[in-house]
Amino acid sequence: MDLYLTVNKHVYQNDDQKTAFVLSYMTKKEAAAWKEQFINQYTHGNYLALPSWIHFKMILKDTFEPKDRHGDALHKLRQMKQGNKTAEEHVTSFKLLLHEAGLVTTPEHDKIECFSEMLSDALALRILNSKNPPDTIQGWYDTAIKFDNNWRQTQNFRNRFQSKGTKPNPDNTPKKTFRSYRPSTPARDPNAMDVDTLQTDKTERRQKLMKEGKCFNCETWGHRAKDCPKKAANQGQTPKPQTPPPEKKIFKGKESFAHIKAMIAELPDEEKDLFWKTVNEEGF
């Protein structure tokens, strides 16, 4: 209030203007009720005689200033918790309340104990378990801010990678990369709607058969489309003799990877394309 009126002396040039300006902002709750009572007190008939600016400030201070500022600050200090505030914000609030409560000259050990109890449990434990725990209140301030900032930067880093669908690699170790298949699609003909629908149905049917391990041609088990006996018969060829499927073998570790790789390599190009498309759509 004083600062604003000081830099606007050219607007508020006398005591009545200053007092009226302050009263105009007292519009809610106890302040509004007090203002109404104050105006009635200084109204004589139809004439309002406001007190001097200095006297008005004394009345205002006596009415609204906390009677026990130190006690109030001490109570707030005891109830204070870091919560969702950053360590830097928490340190600033702690210092202000420490000053208002008149505890600036309190022994270091007592201030450290009070401050550590107000920090989040995880942050306080990390400081206490650090290689060289601080033994001064300023050291606790600096360490808390440093560890808290590092934690928040790490969280932002992880969130950024999660939003991209990748995981952070803190060890900077090389990762195995796999080819991500994305079939190129030519410009779509707006008049080819029916053809597209049929193609979509065909693709969905083939994906279903692939998941079930069935032949694309006759939709039965035991062989692939290229070895289908019905397909060979239709083309006038002698179908290959069908052998019963070998006993299922369980692969583990690198052997499993090699087996999968060999199976993919044996697929015809069309089935390979469909396989990679299915892998991408399934989220692997």
Protein backbone atom coordinates (compact mmCIF):
# COMPACT_ATOMS: atom_id res chain seq x y z
CA MET A 1 0.00 0.00 0.00
CA ASP A 2 2.73 2.46 1.00
CA LEU A 3 4.87 1.51 -1.97
CA TYR A 4 2.04 2.02 -4.45
CA LEU A 5 1.07 5.41 -3.00
CA THR A 6 4.71 6.51 -2.93
CA VAL A 7 5.19 5.95 -6.67
CA ASN A 8 1.79 7.56 -7.44
CA LYS A 9 2.20 10.80 -5.48
CA HIS A 10 1.00 12.79 -8.48
CA VAL A 11 -2.39 10.99 -8.29
CA TYR A 12 -2.94 10.71 -4.53
CA GLN A 13 -1.80 14.13 -3.33
CA ASN A 14 -3.55 14.47 0.07
CA ASP A 15 -4.51 12.35 3.08
CA ASP A 16 -8.18 11.95 2.15
CA GLN A 17 -7.29 10.58 -1.29
CA LYS A 18 -4.85 8.06 0.20
CA THR A 19 -7.31 6.87 2.86
CA ALA A 20 -10.17 6.60 0.37
CA PHE A 21 -7.93 4.60 -1.98
CA VAL A 22 -7.15 2.04 0.75
CA LEU A 23 -10.79 1.82 1.88
CA SER A 24 -11.90 1.13 -1.70
CA TYR A 25 -10.06 -2.21 -1.61
CA MET A 26 -11.64 -3.36 1.67
CA THR A 27 -14.62 -5.15 0.11
CA LYS A 28 -14.73 -8.65 1.66
CA LYS A 29 -15.41 -10.33 5.00
CA GLU A 30 -13.99 -8.67 8.14
CA ALA A 31 -12.33 -5.88 6.15
CA ALA A 32 -15.64 -4.83 4.55
CA ALA A 33 -17.42 -4.87 7.94
CA TRP A 34 -14.63 -2.84 9.54
CA LYS A 35 -14.72 -0.28 6.71
CA GLU A 36 -18.46 0.28 7.17
CA GLN A 37 -18.01 0.77 10.90
CA PHE A 38 -15.05 3.10 10.33
CA ILE A 39 -16.96 5.32 7.88
CA ASN A 40 -19.94 5.52 10.24
CA GLN A 41 -17.62 6.52 13.07
CA TYR A 42 -16.17 9.45 11.13
CA THR A 43 -19.42 10.59 9.55
CA HIS A 44 -20.99 13.60 11.22
CA GLY A 45 -24.41 14.30 9.79
CA ASN A 46 -23.87 14.46 6.04
CA TYR A 47 -20.20 15.22 6.34
CA LEU A 48 -17.37 12.61 6.32
CA ALA A 49 -14.27 13.84 8.16
CA LEU A 50 -11.51 11.29 7.69
CA PRO A 51 -8.52 11.22 10.06
CA SER A 52 -5.01 12.05 8.90
CA TRP A 53 -3.12 9.50 6.84
CA ILE A 54 -0.70 8.72 9.69
CA HIS A 55 -3.57 8.27 12.16
CA PHE A 56 -5.45 6.06 9.71
CA LYS A 57 -2.44 3.75 9.32
CA MET A 58 -2.11 3.45 13.09
CA ILE A 59 -5.78 2.46 13.40
CA LEU A 60 -5.46 -0.04 10.55
CA LYS A 61 -2.33 -1.61 12.03
CA ASP A 62 -3.80 -1.85 15.51
CA THR A 63 -6.93 -3.54 14.13
CA PHE A 64 -5.46 -6.10 11.75
CA GLU A 65 -1.86 -6.75 12.77
CA PRO A 66 -1.41 -10.13 14.54
CA LYS A 67 -1.15 -9.58 18.29
CA ASP A 68 1.33 -12.42 18.69
CA ARG A 69 3.36 -12.47 15.48
CA HIS A 70 6.11 -14.63 16.98
CA GLY A 71 3.61 -17.13 18.36
CA ASP A 72 1.76 -17.34 15.05
CA ALA A 73 5.01 -17.89 13.16
CA LEU A 74 6.09 -20.58 15.63
CA HIS A 75 2.74 -22.35 15.24
CA LYS A 76 3.04 -22.27 11.44
CA LEU A 77 6.61 -23.54 11.72
CA ARG A 78 5.50 -26.55 13.76
CA GLN A 79 2.74 -27.37 11.27
CA MET A 80 4.86 -26.79 8.18
CA LYS A 81 5.50 -29.67 5.74
CA GLN A 82 7.19 -29.73 2.36
CA GLY A 83 4.30 -31.45 0.60
CA ASN A 84 4.39 -30.83 -3.14
CA LYS A 85 6.62 -27.76 -2.87
CA THR A 86 10.11 -27.86 -4.30
CA ALA A 87 12.94 -27.88 -1.78
CA GLU A 88 13.87 -24.35 -2.86
CA GLU A 89 10.35 -23.06 -2.10
CA HIS A 90 10.35 -24.97 1.19
CA VAL A 91 13.70 -23.49 2.26
CA THR A 92 12.48 -19.94 1.53
CA SER A 93 9.28 -20.44 3.58
CA PHE A 94 11.26 -22.02 6.43
CA LYS A 95 13.71 -19.11 6.58
CA LEU A 96 10.92 -16.53 6.66
CA LEU A 97 9.03 -18.27 9.48
CA LEU A 98 12.27 -18.83 11.37
CA HIS A 99 12.89 -15.08 11.27
CA GLU A 100 9.30 -14.15 12.25
CA ALA A 101 9.37 -16.60 15.15
CA GLY A 102 12.62 -15.07 16.42
CA LEU A 103 14.50 -18.35 16.11
CA VAL A 104 17.32 -17.19 13.83
CA THR A 105 19.85 -17.46 16.66
CA THR A 106 18.66 -20.94 17.70
CA PRO A 107 21.50 -23.54 17.88
CA GLU A 108 22.32 -25.22 14.56
CA HIS A 109 21.38 -28.68 15.82
CA ASP A 110 17.85 -27.57 16.74
CA LYS A 111 17.31 -25.83 13.40
CA ILE A 112 18.57 -28.88 11.51
CA GLU A 113 16.29 -31.20 13.46
CA CYS A 114 13.31 -28.94 12.83
CA PHE A 115 14.08 -28.54 9.12
CA SER A 116 14.71 -32.26 8.49
CA GLU A 117 11.37 -33.21 10.08
CA MET A 118 9.57 -30.88 7.67
CA LEU A 119 11.17 -32.37 4.53
CA SER A 120 9.58 -35.24 2.64
CA ASP A 121 10.67 -38.57 4.14
CA ALA A 122 12.45 -39.70 0.96
CA LEU A 123 14.47 -36.50 0.67
CA ALA A 124 15.43 -36.41 4.36
CA LEU A 125 16.59 -40.06 4.25
CA ARG A 126 18.63 -39.46 1.14
CA ILE A 127 20.45 -36.57 2.79
CA LEU A 128 21.08 -38.55 5.99
CA ASN A 129 22.37 -41.54 3.99
CA SER A 130 24.57 -39.48 1.70
CA LYS A 131 28.35 -39.89 1.78
CA ASN A 132 28.99 -36.71 3.78
CA PRO A 133 25.77 -35.56 5.49
CA PRO A 134 25.80 -31.78 6.16
CA ASP A 135 26.29 -30.59 9.74
CA THR A 136 25.09 -27.00 9.30
CA ILE A 137 21.64 -25.65 8.49
CA GLN A 138 22.98 -23.93 5.36
CA GLY A 139 24.47 -27.26 4.29
CA TRP A 140 21.04 -28.87 4.72
CA TYR A 141 19.46 -26.09 2.65
CA ASP A 142 21.96 -26.54 -0.19
CA THR A 143 21.89 -30.36 -0.17
CA ALA A 144 18.10 -30.54 -0.05
CA ILE A 145 17.79 -28.18 -3.02
CA LYS A 146 20.45 -30.09 -4.99
CA PHE A 147 18.96 -33.56 -4.40
CA ASP A 148 15.40 -32.34 -5.00
CA ASN A 149 16.35 -30.64 -8.29
CA ASN A 150 18.19 -33.78 -9.44
CA TRP A 151 15.16 -35.94 -8.64
CA ARG A 152 12.77 -33.64 -10.46
CA GLN A 153 15.03 -33.50 -13.53
CA THR A 154 15.20 -37.31 -13.53
CA GLN A 155 11.40 -37.52 -13.38
CA ASN A 156 11.08 -35.09 -16.31
CA PHE A 157 13.64 -37.13 -18.24
CA ARG A 158 11.71 -40.36 -17.66
CA ASN A 159 8.37 -38.77 -18.53
CA ARG A 160 9.83 -37.44 -21.77
CA PHE A 161 10.98 -40.90 -22.82
CA GLN A 162 7.72 -42.54 -21.74
CA SER A 163 5.76 -40.07 -23.86
CA LYS A 164 7.87 -41.17 -26.84
CA GLY A 165 7.28 -44.86 -26.07
CA THR A 166 10.94 -45.56 -25.24
CA LYS A 167 12.85 -46.28 -22.06
CA PRO A 168 15.83 -44.24 -20.79
CA ASN A 169 19.27 -45.89 -20.96
CA PRO A 170 21.17 -44.49 -17.93
CA ASP A 171 24.21 -46.75 -18.52
CA ASN A 172 24.51 -45.56 -22.12
CA THR A 173 24.94 -49.20 -23.18
CA PRO A 174 24.32 -50.12 -26.82
CA LYS A 175 20.88 -51.54 -27.41
CA LYS A 176 19.90 -54.17 -29.96
CA THR A 177 17.78 -52.61 -32.64
CA PHE A 178 15.21 -54.41 -34.74
CA ARG A 179 13.91 -53.38 -38.09
CA SER A 180 10.56 -51.68 -37.81
CA TYR A 181 8.53 -52.60 -40.85
CA ARG A 182 6.23 -49.94 -42.18
CA PRO A 183 4.90 -50.86 -45.64
CA SER A 184 4.76 -47.93 -47.98
CA THR A 185 1.29 -47.11 -49.22
CA PRO A 186 0.68 -45.44 -52.56
CA ALA A 187 -1.67 -42.49 -52.90
CA ARG A 188 -5.21 -43.70 -52.33
CA ASP A 189 -7.66 -43.69 -55.18
CA PRO A 190 -10.95 -42.18 -53.92
CA ASN A 191 -12.88 -44.42 -56.33
CA ALA A 192 -11.29 -47.62 -55.02
CA MET A 193 -13.34 -47.90 -51.82
CA ASP A 194 -14.70 -51.37 -52.53
CA VAL A 195 -11.28 -52.72 -53.48
CA ASP A 196 -9.80 -51.27 -50.28
CA THR A 197 -12.52 -52.88 -48.20
CA LEU A 198 -11.86 -56.28 -49.78
CA GLN A 199 -8.13 -55.84 -49.27
CA THR A 200 -8.68 -54.95 -45.61
CA ASP A 201 -10.85 -58.04 -45.09
CA LYS A 202 -8.19 -60.19 -46.76
CA THR A 203 -5.44 -58.78 -44.55
CA GLU A 204 -7.47 -59.28 -41.38
CA ARG A 205 -8.25 -62.88 -42.39
CA ARG A 206 -4.56 -63.60 -43.03
CA GLN A 207 -3.55 -62.07 -39.70
CA LYS A 208 -6.06 -64.32 -37.96
CA LEU A 209 -4.73 -67.40 -39.78
CA MET A 210 -1.14 -66.46 -38.98
CA LYS A 211 -1.94 -66.19 -35.28
CA GLU A 212 -3.65 -69.61 -35.41
CA GLY A 213 -0.77 -71.18 -37.39
CA LYS A 214 -3.00 -72.17 -40.33
CA CYS A 215 -2.39 -72.26 -44.07
CA PHE A 216 -3.47 -69.13 -45.95
CA ASN A 217 -4.88 -71.23 -48.80
CA CYS A 218 -6.91 -74.07 -47.22
CA GLU A 219 -7.04 -72.71 -43.65
CA THR A 220 -5.87 -75.96 -42.04
CA TRP A 221 -2.87 -76.81 -39.88
CA GLY A 222 0.30 -78.71 -40.77
CA HIS A 223 1.77 -76.73 -43.68
CA ARG A 224 2.29 -73.28 -45.16
CA ALA A 225 0.57 -71.76 -48.18
CA LYS A 226 3.50 -72.49 -50.49
CA ASP A 227 3.29 -76.22 -49.63
CA CYS A 228 -0.52 -76.42 -49.64
CA PRO A 229 -1.69 -79.71 -51.31
CA LYS A 230 -4.89 -78.11 -52.61
CA LYS A 231 -2.93 -75.33 -54.29
CA ALA A 232 -0.61 -77.87 -55.95
CA ALA A 233 -3.59 -79.97 -57.12
CA ASN A 234 -5.28 -76.95 -58.70
CA GLN A 235 -2.10 -76.15 -60.62
CA GLY A 236 -1.72 -79.74 -61.86
CA GLN A 237 1.30 -80.45 -59.66
CA THR A 238 1.97 -83.41 -57.47
CA PRO A 239 1.40 -82.31 -53.88
CA LYS A 240 4.23 -82.83 -51.46
CA PRO A 241 3.63 -85.62 -49.01
CA GLN A 242 2.40 -84.26 -45.71
CA THR A 243 4.37 -85.34 -42.72
CA PRO A 244 2.98 -85.13 -39.23
CA PRO A 245 4.20 -82.07 -37.39
CA PRO A 246 7.28 -82.78 -35.25
CA GLU A 247 6.97 -82.94 -31.52
CA LYS A 248 6.90 -79.43 -30.06
CA LYS A 249 10.31 -78.40 -28.81
CA ILE A 250 10.80 -75.81 -26.09
CA PHE A 251 13.49 -73.26 -26.90
CA LYS A 252 15.15 -71.06 -24.31
CA GLY A 253 17.34 -67.94 -24.36
CA LYS A 254 19.49 -67.43 -27.45
CA GLU A 255 18.29 -70.73 -28.92
CA SER A 256 14.75 -69.37 -28.93
CA PHE A 257 15.84 -66.19 -30.70
CA ALA A 258 17.74 -68.16 -33.34
CA HIS A 259 14.73 -70.40 -33.92
CA ILE A 260 12.38 -67.46 -34.40
CA LYS A 261 14.87 -65.78 -36.72
CA ALA A 262 15.15 -68.93 -38.85
CA MET A 263 11.36 -69.29 -39.07
CA ILE A 264 10.97 -65.67 -40.24
CA ALA A 265 13.71 -66.15 -42.84
CA GLU A 266 11.80 -69.12 -44.35
CA LEU A 267 8.61 -67.12 -44.87
CA PRO A 268 7.73 -65.98 -48.40
CA ASP A 269 8.02 -62.24 -48.96
CA GLU A 270 4.27 -61.72 -48.74
CA GLU A 271 4.05 -63.55 -45.43
CA LYS A 272 7.12 -61.67 -44.12
CA ASP A 273 5.42 -58.36 -44.87
CA LEU A 274 2.28 -59.49 -43.09
CA PHE A 275 4.34 -60.76 -40.14
CA TRP A 276 6.13 -57.41 -39.62
CA LYS A 277 2.87 -55.53 -39.99
CA THR A 278 1.24 -57.74 -37.33
CA VAL A 279 4.23 -57.31 -35.01
CA ASN A 280 3.98 -53.52 -35.26
CA GLU A 281 0.23 -53.49 -34.71
CA GLU A 282 0.53 -55.79 -31.67
CA GLY A 283 3.02 -53.36 -30.10
CA PHE A 284 6.10 -55.61 -29.98
